[in-house]
Amino acid sequence: MPKIKGTLLSIAKQWIKEKGKEEEILASLPPKTKVIFENPIPTKFYEIKLINPLLEAMVKIIGKGNEAILNEYGAYEAERISKTYMRFLLKFVTPEGLIKRIPIFSKRNFTPGYIKINQLKKGYAVVSLCEFKGGKLFCPLITGRLRRTLEIIGAKEIEVRETKCIYRTKDDHCEWEIKWK
């Protein structure tokens, strides 16, 4: 059963509050998701099936039906995470160095599944998310998180494009092509 860490729920709660939509989102959530959302425990892992209604509500209420709002939320996640345990690393790492470390960081936030670096050279990478079936709404979120993390460390002209998806194109994993200068 796929799970994500409560830290990410705390970040989601803050983003929703900043958007002024907390009450509306809370009112739309099923009871079990509502309980988790109201008081997420940062160190605990939560089943994705209980969290997906939160992402769906974010799309419906904040994004007015447009899943691209999760790109914005993913960027917000990256921003918040960059101010925690990653803040020192991000001051000194290159984009290539950061991408090499993504598999390590991802283990802190979701399970099961893993991130694999398929290609990595200066200004270009292909990254796969394997064996994590969290739902189609995680893909735009990850796209936004990847883009913003690279911006934070100073990369320019960033392009992040999902080229394979277990949900949209029925591939066996999700994959992103990343370009930067």
N, C-alpha and C. Protein backbone atom coordinates (compact mmCIF):
# COMPACT_ATOMS: atom_id res chain seq x y z
N MET A 1 0.85 -1.18 0.00
CA MET A 1 0.00 0.00 0.00
C MET A 1 0.89 1.25 0.00
N PRO A 2 0.79 2.11 -1.02
CA PRO A 2 1.60 3.33 -1.07
C PRO A 2 1.29 4.27 0.10
N LYS A 3 2.35 4.90 0.60
CA LYS A 3 2.22 5.83 1.72
C LYS A 3 3.11 7.04 1.50
N ILE A 4 2.69 8.17 2.08
CA ILE A 4 3.53 9.37 2.08
C ILE A 4 3.68 9.88 3.51
N LYS A 5 4.73 10.63 3.71
CA LYS A 5 5.07 11.11 5.04
C LYS A 5 4.21 12.32 5.43
N GLY A 6 3.89 12.39 6.70
CA GLY A 6 3.06 13.46 7.24
C GLY A 6 3.63 14.85 7.07
N THR A 7 4.95 14.94 6.92
CA THR A 7 5.57 16.26 6.67
C THR A 7 4.93 16.91 5.46
N LEU A 8 4.70 16.12 4.42
CA LEU A 8 4.11 16.66 3.19
C LEU A 8 2.67 17.11 3.42
N LEU A 9 1.98 16.45 4.33
CA LEU A 9 0.61 16.88 4.65
C LEU A 9 0.62 18.19 5.42
N SER A 10 1.60 18.35 6.29
CA SER A 10 1.73 19.62 7.01
C SER A 10 1.98 20.76 6.03
N ILE A 11 2.80 20.50 5.03
CA ILE A 11 3.08 21.51 4.01
C ILE A 11 1.81 21.81 3.21
N ALA A 12 1.07 20.77 2.86
CA ALA A 12 -0.19 20.96 2.12
C ALA A 12 -1.16 21.81 2.93
N LYS A 13 -1.24 21.53 4.21
CA LYS A 13 -2.14 22.29 5.08
C LYS A 13 -1.77 23.77 5.08
N GLN A 14 -0.49 24.07 5.16
CA GLN A 14 -0.03 25.46 5.17
C GLN A 14 -0.35 26.15 3.84
N TRP A 15 -0.11 25.45 2.72
CA TRP A 15 -0.39 26.02 1.39
C TRP A 15 -1.87 26.34 1.24
N ILE A 16 -2.70 25.40 1.65
CA ILE A 16 -4.15 25.59 1.55
C ILE A 16 -4.59 26.76 2.43
N LYS A 17 -4.01 26.87 3.60
CA LYS A 17 -4.32 27.98 4.50
C LYS A 17 -3.92 29.31 3.86
N GLU A 18 -2.73 29.35 3.25
CA GLU A 18 -2.28 30.57 2.57
C GLU A 18 -3.18 30.94 1.40
N LYS A 19 -3.78 29.95 0.78
CA LYS A 19 -4.71 30.20 -0.33
C LYS A 19 -6.09 30.65 0.18
N GLY A 20 -6.31 30.55 1.50
CA GLY A 20 -7.59 30.95 2.08
C GLY A 20 -8.71 29.96 1.81
N LYS A 21 -8.34 28.69 1.61
CA LYS A 21 -9.34 27.69 1.24
C LYS A 21 -9.46 26.55 2.25
N GLU A 22 -8.92 26.74 3.45
CA GLU A 22 -8.89 25.65 4.43
C GLU A 22 -10.29 25.15 4.79
N GLU A 23 -11.20 26.05 5.09
CA GLU A 23 -12.55 25.63 5.48
C GLU A 23 -13.27 24.90 4.35
N GLU A 24 -13.14 25.43 3.16
CA GLU A 24 -13.79 24.82 1.99
C GLU A 24 -13.22 23.43 1.70
N ILE A 25 -11.90 23.30 1.79
CA ILE A 25 -11.26 22.00 1.58
C ILE A 25 -11.70 21.03 2.67
N LEU A 26 -11.64 21.46 3.93
CA LEU A 26 -12.03 20.59 5.04
C LEU A 26 -13.46 20.07 4.86
N ALA A 27 -14.35 20.94 4.45
CA ALA A 27 -15.75 20.56 4.29
C ALA A 27 -15.93 19.51 3.19
N SER A 28 -15.00 19.45 2.23
CA SER A 28 -15.15 18.52 1.11
C SER A 28 -14.50 17.15 1.37
N LEU A 29 -13.74 17.02 2.44
CA LEU A 29 -12.99 15.79 2.67
C LEU A 29 -13.81 14.72 3.36
N PRO A 30 -13.54 13.44 3.02
CA PRO A 30 -14.16 12.34 3.76
C PRO A 30 -13.65 12.36 5.21
N PRO A 31 -14.41 11.82 6.15
CA PRO A 31 -14.04 11.90 7.57
C PRO A 31 -12.61 11.44 7.91
N LYS A 32 -12.16 10.32 7.39
CA LYS A 32 -10.82 9.83 7.73
C LYS A 32 -9.73 10.76 7.21
N THR A 33 -9.91 11.29 6.02
CA THR A 33 -8.94 12.23 5.46
C THR A 33 -8.96 13.54 6.23
N LYS A 34 -10.15 13.96 6.63
CA LYS A 34 -10.30 15.20 7.39
C LYS A 34 -9.52 15.13 8.71
N VAL A 35 -9.62 14.01 9.41
CA VAL A 35 -8.91 13.83 10.68
C VAL A 35 -7.40 13.92 10.47
N ILE A 36 -6.90 13.28 9.42
CA ILE A 36 -5.47 13.32 9.12
C ILE A 36 -5.04 14.73 8.75
N PHE A 37 -5.82 15.39 7.91
CA PHE A 37 -5.47 16.73 7.45
C PHE A 37 -5.46 17.75 8.60
N GLU A 38 -6.38 17.62 9.52
CA GLU A 38 -6.46 18.58 10.62
C GLU A 38 -5.23 18.52 11.53
N ASN A 39 -4.68 17.32 11.73
CA ASN A 39 -3.54 17.17 12.64
C ASN A 39 -2.54 16.15 12.10
N PRO A 40 -1.87 16.45 10.99
CA PRO A 40 -0.90 15.49 10.47
C PRO A 40 0.30 15.35 11.40
N ILE A 41 0.77 14.13 11.55
CA ILE A 41 1.96 13.88 12.35
C ILE A 41 3.12 13.80 11.37
N PRO A 42 4.05 14.76 11.43
CA PRO A 42 5.12 14.85 10.42
C PRO A 42 5.94 13.58 10.23
N THR A 43 6.14 12.81 11.28
CA THR A 43 7.00 11.62 11.18
C THR A 43 6.25 10.36 10.78
N LYS A 44 4.95 10.42 10.72
CA LYS A 44 4.14 9.24 10.39
C LYS A 44 3.91 9.13 8.89
N PHE A 45 3.81 7.89 8.39
CA PHE A 45 3.44 7.66 7.00
C PHE A 45 1.95 7.35 6.92
N TYR A 46 1.27 7.96 5.92
CA TYR A 46 -0.16 7.80 5.74
C TYR A 46 -0.46 7.13 4.40
N GLU A 47 -1.48 6.29 4.39
CA GLU A 47 -1.87 5.60 3.15
C GLU A 47 -2.36 6.62 2.12
N ILE A 48 -1.87 6.43 0.90
CA ILE A 48 -2.24 7.33 -0.21
C ILE A 48 -3.75 7.38 -0.42
N LYS A 49 -4.43 6.25 -0.28
CA LYS A 49 -5.87 6.25 -0.53
C LYS A 49 -6.62 7.21 0.39
N LEU A 50 -6.01 7.53 1.54
CA LEU A 50 -6.62 8.50 2.44
C LEU A 50 -6.22 9.93 2.09
N ILE A 51 -5.13 10.08 1.33
CA ILE A 51 -4.61 11.41 0.99
C ILE A 51 -5.11 11.89 -0.37
N ASN A 52 -5.37 10.97 -1.28
CA ASN A 52 -5.82 11.37 -2.62
C ASN A 52 -7.04 12.28 -2.61
N PRO A 53 -8.01 12.07 -1.70
CA PRO A 53 -9.13 13.02 -1.66
C PRO A 53 -8.70 14.46 -1.39
N LEU A 54 -7.60 14.64 -0.65
CA LEU A 54 -7.08 15.98 -0.41
C LEU A 54 -6.56 16.59 -1.71
N LEU A 55 -5.80 15.82 -2.48
CA LEU A 55 -5.30 16.32 -3.77
C LEU A 55 -6.45 16.62 -4.71
N GLU A 56 -7.46 15.75 -4.72
CA GLU A 56 -8.63 15.98 -5.57
C GLU A 56 -9.35 17.27 -5.17
N ALA A 57 -9.45 17.52 -3.88
CA ALA A 57 -10.09 18.76 -3.40
C ALA A 57 -9.25 19.98 -3.78
N MET A 58 -7.94 19.86 -3.72
CA MET A 58 -7.06 20.97 -4.12
C MET A 58 -7.29 21.31 -5.58
N VAL A 59 -7.40 20.28 -6.42
CA VAL A 59 -7.64 20.50 -7.86
C VAL A 59 -9.01 21.14 -8.06
N LYS A 60 -10.01 20.59 -7.42
CA LYS A 60 -11.38 21.07 -7.63
C LYS A 60 -11.60 22.49 -7.09
N ILE A 61 -11.12 22.74 -5.88
CA ILE A 61 -11.45 24.00 -5.21
C ILE A 61 -10.44 25.11 -5.53
N ILE A 62 -9.16 24.81 -5.40
CA ILE A 62 -8.15 25.84 -5.64
C ILE A 62 -7.86 25.97 -7.14
N GLY A 63 -7.74 24.81 -7.82
CA GLY A 63 -7.42 24.82 -9.24
C GLY A 63 -8.63 24.95 -10.15
N LYS A 64 -9.81 24.98 -9.56
CA LYS A 64 -11.06 25.08 -10.34
C LYS A 64 -11.12 24.00 -11.42
N GLY A 65 -10.66 22.78 -11.04
CA GLY A 65 -10.71 21.64 -11.95
C GLY A 65 -9.45 21.41 -12.75
N ASN A 66 -8.49 22.31 -12.66
CA ASN A 66 -7.26 22.20 -13.45
C ASN A 66 -6.15 21.55 -12.61
N GLU A 67 -5.70 20.37 -13.03
CA GLU A 67 -4.65 19.64 -12.32
C GLU A 67 -3.32 20.38 -12.28
N ALA A 68 -3.15 21.35 -13.16
CA ALA A 68 -1.90 22.12 -13.18
C ALA A 68 -1.66 22.85 -11.86
N ILE A 69 -2.70 23.05 -11.06
CA ILE A 69 -2.50 23.69 -9.75
C ILE A 69 -1.54 22.88 -8.91
N LEU A 70 -1.44 21.59 -9.18
CA LEU A 70 -0.53 20.75 -8.40
C LEU A 70 0.92 20.99 -8.77
N ASN A 71 1.19 21.56 -9.95
CA ASN A 71 2.54 22.03 -10.28
C ASN A 71 2.91 23.14 -9.31
N GLU A 72 1.97 24.07 -9.12
CA GLU A 72 2.21 25.18 -8.19
C GLU A 72 2.41 24.65 -6.77
N TYR A 73 1.57 23.70 -6.38
CA TYR A 73 1.72 23.13 -5.03
C TYR A 73 3.06 22.38 -4.90
N GLY A 74 3.45 21.63 -5.92
CA GLY A 74 4.74 20.93 -5.89
C GLY A 74 5.90 21.90 -5.72
N ALA A 75 5.81 23.05 -6.38
CA ALA A 75 6.84 24.08 -6.23
C ALA A 75 6.85 24.62 -4.80
N TYR A 76 5.68 24.78 -4.22
CA TYR A 76 5.57 25.23 -2.83
C TYR A 76 6.22 24.20 -1.90
N GLU A 77 5.94 22.93 -2.14
CA GLU A 77 6.56 21.86 -1.35
C GLU A 77 8.08 21.96 -1.42
N ALA A 78 8.60 22.12 -2.62
CA ALA A 78 10.05 22.23 -2.80
C ALA A 78 10.61 23.41 -2.01
N GLU A 79 9.91 24.51 -2.08
CA GLU A 79 10.33 25.72 -1.36
C GLU A 79 10.38 25.46 0.14
N ARG A 80 9.34 24.85 0.67
CA ARG A 80 9.29 24.56 2.11
C ARG A 80 10.34 23.54 2.52
N ILE A 81 10.50 22.48 1.75
CA ILE A 81 11.49 21.46 2.07
C ILE A 81 12.89 22.04 2.02
N SER A 82 13.11 22.99 1.09
CA SER A 82 14.44 23.59 0.96
C SER A 82 14.84 24.40 2.19
N LYS A 83 13.89 24.71 3.03
CA LYS A 83 14.18 25.48 4.25
C LYS A 83 14.33 24.58 5.47
N THR A 84 14.30 23.27 5.26
CA THR A 84 14.43 22.34 6.38
C THR A 84 15.77 21.62 6.29
N TYR A 85 15.73 20.31 6.36
CA TYR A 85 16.96 19.52 6.39
C TYR A 85 17.82 19.68 5.13
N MET A 86 17.26 20.16 4.05
CA MET A 86 18.02 20.28 2.80
C MET A 86 18.69 21.63 2.61
N ARG A 87 18.44 22.58 3.48
CA ARG A 87 18.90 23.95 3.24
C ARG A 87 20.41 24.07 3.08
N PHE A 88 21.17 23.30 3.83
CA PHE A 88 22.63 23.40 3.72
C PHE A 88 23.14 22.77 2.43
N LEU A 89 22.59 21.62 2.07
CA LEU A 89 22.99 20.96 0.84
C LEU A 89 22.70 21.84 -0.37
N LEU A 90 21.54 22.47 -0.40
CA LEU A 90 21.14 23.25 -1.56
C LEU A 90 22.01 24.48 -1.80
N LYS A 91 22.73 24.91 -0.78
CA LYS A 91 23.63 26.06 -0.95
C LYS A 91 24.86 25.69 -1.77
N PHE A 92 25.23 24.42 -1.79
CA PHE A 92 26.50 24.03 -2.37
C PHE A 92 26.40 23.04 -3.53
N VAL A 93 25.24 22.50 -3.77
CA VAL A 93 25.11 21.42 -4.75
C VAL A 93 24.85 21.96 -6.16
N THR A 94 25.35 21.26 -7.15
CA THR A 94 25.05 21.57 -8.55
C THR A 94 23.74 20.86 -8.93
N PRO A 95 23.13 21.23 -10.05
CA PRO A 95 21.94 20.51 -10.47
C PRO A 95 22.20 19.00 -10.64
N GLU A 96 23.36 18.66 -11.20
CA GLU A 96 23.69 17.25 -11.39
C GLU A 96 23.84 16.55 -10.04
N GLY A 97 24.49 17.22 -9.10
CA GLY A 97 24.67 16.66 -7.76
C GLY A 97 23.34 16.47 -7.04
N LEU A 98 22.44 17.42 -7.23
CA LEU A 98 21.12 17.31 -6.62
C LEU A 98 20.37 16.11 -7.20
N ILE A 99 20.37 16.00 -8.51
CA ILE A 99 19.63 14.91 -9.15
C ILE A 99 20.18 13.55 -8.72
N LYS A 100 21.49 13.45 -8.55
CA LYS A 100 22.08 12.20 -8.06
C LYS A 100 21.53 11.81 -6.69
N ARG A 101 21.16 12.82 -5.90
CA ARG A 101 20.69 12.57 -4.53
C ARG A 101 19.18 12.37 -4.43
N ILE A 102 18.44 12.62 -5.48
CA ILE A 102 16.98 12.49 -5.43
C ILE A 102 16.54 11.11 -4.92
N PRO A 103 17.15 10.00 -5.37
CA PRO A 103 16.69 8.70 -4.84
C PRO A 103 16.81 8.60 -3.31
N ILE A 104 17.81 9.21 -2.74
CA ILE A 104 17.98 9.18 -1.28
C ILE A 104 16.90 10.00 -0.60
N PHE A 105 16.66 11.22 -1.09
CA PHE A 105 15.66 12.09 -0.48
C PHE A 105 14.25 11.52 -0.61
N SER A 106 13.96 10.88 -1.73
CA SER A 106 12.61 10.38 -1.95
C SER A 106 12.23 9.31 -0.94
N LYS A 107 13.19 8.54 -0.47
CA LYS A 107 12.90 7.49 0.51
C LYS A 107 12.39 8.07 1.82
N ARG A 108 12.70 9.32 2.07
CA ARG A 108 12.24 9.97 3.30
C ARG A 108 10.76 10.33 3.23
N ASN A 109 10.20 10.41 2.02
CA ASN A 109 8.85 10.94 1.86
C ASN A 109 7.79 9.99 1.35
N PHE A 110 8.18 8.91 0.71
CA PHE A 110 7.16 7.97 0.25
C PHE A 110 7.68 6.54 0.23
N THR A 111 6.73 5.61 0.27
CA THR A 111 7.03 4.20 0.26
C THR A 111 5.80 3.44 -0.24
N PRO A 112 5.87 2.30 -0.85
CA PRO A 112 7.05 1.74 -1.47
C PRO A 112 7.35 2.49 -2.76
N GLY A 113 8.36 2.08 -3.42
CA GLY A 113 8.76 2.70 -4.68
C GLY A 113 10.13 3.31 -4.56
N TYR A 114 10.65 3.69 -5.70
CA TYR A 114 11.99 4.27 -5.72
C TYR A 114 12.15 5.15 -6.95
N ILE A 115 13.10 6.06 -6.87
CA ILE A 115 13.43 6.91 -8.01
C ILE A 115 14.74 6.41 -8.59
N LYS A 116 14.75 6.31 -9.89
CA LYS A 116 15.92 5.83 -10.61
C LYS A 116 16.39 6.93 -11.56
N ILE A 117 17.69 7.15 -11.59
CA ILE A 117 18.28 8.11 -12.52
C ILE A 117 18.68 7.33 -13.76
N ASN A 118 17.98 7.54 -14.86
CA ASN A 118 18.25 6.81 -16.10
C ASN A 118 19.38 7.43 -16.91
N GLN A 119 19.40 8.76 -16.94
CA GLN A 119 20.45 9.49 -17.64
C GLN A 119 20.77 10.74 -16.84
N LEU A 120 22.04 11.10 -16.84
CA LEU A 120 22.43 12.32 -16.16
C LEU A 120 23.72 12.84 -16.78
N LYS A 121 23.62 14.04 -17.31
CA LYS A 121 24.80 14.74 -17.83
C LYS A 121 24.56 16.23 -17.60
N LYS A 122 25.53 17.03 -17.86
CA LYS A 122 25.40 18.46 -17.62
C LYS A 122 24.21 19.03 -18.40
N GLY A 123 23.24 19.57 -17.68
CA GLY A 123 22.09 20.19 -18.30
C GLY A 123 20.97 19.25 -18.72
N TYR A 124 21.08 17.96 -18.38
CA TYR A 124 20.06 17.02 -18.85
C TYR A 124 19.97 15.81 -17.91
N ALA A 125 18.74 15.38 -17.66
CA ALA A 125 18.53 14.17 -16.87
C ALA A 125 17.21 13.52 -17.26
N VAL A 126 17.16 12.22 -17.06
CA VAL A 126 15.91 11.46 -17.18
C VAL A 126 15.77 10.70 -15.86
N VAL A 127 14.65 10.93 -15.20
CA VAL A 127 14.41 10.37 -13.87
C VAL A 127 13.10 9.58 -13.90
N SER A 128 13.12 8.38 -13.31
CA SER A 128 11.92 7.54 -13.26
C SER A 128 11.45 7.32 -11.83
N LEU A 129 10.14 7.29 -11.66
CA LEU A 129 9.52 6.90 -10.40
C LEU A 129 8.93 5.53 -10.64
N CYS A 130 9.45 4.53 -9.94
CA CYS A 130 9.07 3.14 -10.17
C CYS A 130 8.39 2.55 -8.94
N GLU A 131 7.42 1.70 -9.20
CA GLU A 131 6.73 0.92 -8.16
C GLU A 131 6.03 1.78 -7.11
N PHE A 132 5.64 2.99 -7.48
CA PHE A 132 4.85 3.84 -6.59
C PHE A 132 3.57 4.16 -7.32
N LYS A 133 2.49 3.62 -6.84
CA LYS A 133 1.20 3.83 -7.48
C LYS A 133 0.34 4.71 -6.58
N GLY A 134 0.73 5.98 -6.54
CA GLY A 134 0.04 6.94 -5.68
C GLY A 134 -1.16 7.60 -6.32
N GLY A 135 -1.25 7.54 -7.63
CA GLY A 135 -2.36 8.17 -8.33
C GLY A 135 -1.86 9.24 -9.29
N LYS A 136 -2.68 9.53 -10.28
CA LYS A 136 -2.27 10.44 -11.35
C LYS A 136 -2.01 11.87 -10.88
N LEU A 137 -2.52 12.25 -9.74
CA LEU A 137 -2.33 13.61 -9.27
C LEU A 137 -0.94 13.86 -8.70
N PHE A 138 -0.19 12.80 -8.44
CA PHE A 138 1.17 12.99 -7.95
C PHE A 138 2.11 13.43 -9.07
N CYS A 139 1.78 13.11 -10.31
CA CYS A 139 2.67 13.45 -11.43
C CYS A 139 2.86 14.96 -11.60
N PRO A 140 1.79 15.76 -11.68
CA PRO A 140 2.02 17.21 -11.80
C PRO A 140 2.67 17.80 -10.55
N LEU A 141 2.39 17.22 -9.40
CA LEU A 141 3.01 17.67 -8.16
C LEU A 141 4.53 17.47 -8.23
N ILE A 142 4.95 16.30 -8.67
CA ILE A 142 6.38 15.99 -8.78
C ILE A 142 7.04 16.89 -9.83
N THR A 143 6.34 17.14 -10.92
CA THR A 143 6.87 18.03 -11.96
C THR A 143 7.17 19.41 -11.37
N GLY A 144 6.23 19.96 -10.62
CA GLY A 144 6.44 21.26 -9.99
C GLY A 144 7.54 21.24 -8.96
N ARG A 145 7.63 20.15 -8.21
CA ARG A 145 8.68 20.05 -7.19
C ARG A 145 10.06 19.98 -7.83
N LEU A 146 10.20 19.20 -8.89
CA LEU A 146 11.49 19.11 -9.58
C LEU A 146 11.92 20.47 -10.14
N ARG A 147 11.00 21.14 -10.81
CA ARG A 147 11.31 22.44 -11.41
C ARG A 147 11.75 23.45 -10.35
N ARG A 148 10.99 23.57 -9.29
CA ARG A 148 11.31 24.58 -8.27
C ARG A 148 12.60 24.26 -7.53
N THR A 149 12.87 22.99 -7.27
CA THR A 149 14.11 22.63 -6.58
C THR A 149 15.31 23.05 -7.41
N LEU A 150 15.24 22.84 -8.72
CA LEU A 150 16.34 23.26 -9.59
C LEU A 150 16.47 24.79 -9.61
N GLU A 151 15.34 25.50 -9.60
CA GLU A 151 15.39 26.96 -9.55
C GLU A 151 16.06 27.44 -8.27
N ILE A 152 15.75 26.80 -7.16
CA ILE A 152 16.29 27.19 -5.86
C ILE A 152 17.81 27.12 -5.85
N ILE A 153 18.37 26.14 -6.54
CA ILE A 153 19.84 26.02 -6.53
C ILE A 153 20.50 26.80 -7.66
N GLY A 154 19.70 27.54 -8.42
CA GLY A 154 20.27 28.45 -9.40
C GLY A 154 20.25 28.00 -10.84
N ALA A 155 19.64 26.87 -11.14
CA ALA A 155 19.54 26.45 -12.54
C ALA A 155 18.64 27.44 -13.30
N LYS A 156 18.88 27.58 -14.58
CA LYS A 156 18.12 28.51 -15.43
C LYS A 156 17.48 27.75 -16.59
N GLU A 157 16.50 28.39 -17.20
CA GLU A 157 15.83 27.84 -18.39
C GLU A 157 15.45 26.37 -18.17
N ILE A 158 14.76 26.10 -17.10
CA ILE A 158 14.42 24.74 -16.69
C ILE A 158 13.19 24.25 -17.45
N GLU A 159 13.29 23.06 -17.96
CA GLU A 159 12.15 22.38 -18.57
C GLU A 159 12.01 21.02 -17.90
N VAL A 160 10.83 20.74 -17.37
CA VAL A 160 10.55 19.44 -16.77
C VAL A 160 9.30 18.91 -17.47
N ARG A 161 9.45 17.76 -18.09
CA ARG A 161 8.34 17.21 -18.87
C ARG A 161 8.17 15.73 -18.54
N GLU A 162 6.97 15.36 -18.17
CA GLU A 162 6.69 13.94 -17.93
C GLU A 162 6.54 13.26 -19.28
N THR A 163 7.39 12.27 -19.53
CA THR A 163 7.38 11.59 -20.84
C THR A 163 6.74 10.21 -20.79
N LYS A 164 6.64 9.64 -19.59
CA LYS A 164 5.96 8.36 -19.41
C LYS A 164 5.12 8.46 -18.14
N CYS A 165 3.98 7.77 -18.16
CA CYS A 165 3.10 7.82 -16.99
C CYS A 165 2.29 6.53 -16.90
N ILE A 166 2.25 5.96 -15.73
CA ILE A 166 1.45 4.74 -15.57
C ILE A 166 -0.04 5.03 -15.66
N TYR A 167 -0.43 6.28 -15.47
CA TYR A 167 -1.85 6.64 -15.51
C TYR A 167 -2.29 7.19 -16.86
N ARG A 168 -1.51 8.11 -17.41
CA ARG A 168 -1.95 8.79 -18.63
C ARG A 168 -1.59 8.03 -19.90
N THR A 169 -0.40 7.41 -19.92
CA THR A 169 0.04 6.71 -21.14
C THR A 169 0.19 5.21 -20.93
N LYS A 170 -0.19 4.74 -19.74
CA LYS A 170 -0.19 3.29 -19.41
C LYS A 170 1.19 2.65 -19.48
N ASP A 171 2.23 3.43 -19.17
CA ASP A 171 3.58 2.87 -19.09
C ASP A 171 3.73 2.10 -17.78
N ASP A 172 4.84 1.43 -17.61
CA ASP A 172 5.05 0.67 -16.37
C ASP A 172 5.65 1.51 -15.25
N HIS A 173 5.99 2.77 -15.54
CA HIS A 173 6.50 3.71 -14.55
C HIS A 173 6.30 5.12 -15.06
N CYS A 174 6.49 6.08 -14.17
CA CYS A 174 6.44 7.49 -14.58
C CYS A 174 7.87 7.97 -14.79
N GLU A 175 8.04 8.85 -15.77
CA GLU A 175 9.39 9.30 -16.11
C GLU A 175 9.36 10.77 -16.51
N TRP A 176 10.40 11.51 -16.09
CA TRP A 176 10.51 12.91 -16.41
C TRP A 176 11.82 13.19 -17.12
N GLU A 177 11.74 13.99 -18.16
CA GLU A 177 12.92 14.50 -18.84
C GLU A 177 13.13 15.91 -18.29
N ILE A 178 14.35 16.19 -17.86
CA ILE A 178 14.67 17.46 -17.24
C ILE A 178 15.83 18.11 -17.99
N LYS A 179 15.62 19.38 -18.36
CA LYS A 179 16.69 20.14 -19.05
C LYS A 179 16.88 21.45 -18.30
N TRP A 180 18.11 21.93 -18.25
CA TRP A 180 18.40 23.20 -17.60
C TRP A 180 19.72 23.76 -18.11
N LYS A 181 19.96 25.01 -17.78
CA LYS A 181 21.24 25.66 -18.10
C LYS A 181 21.82 26.24 -16.84
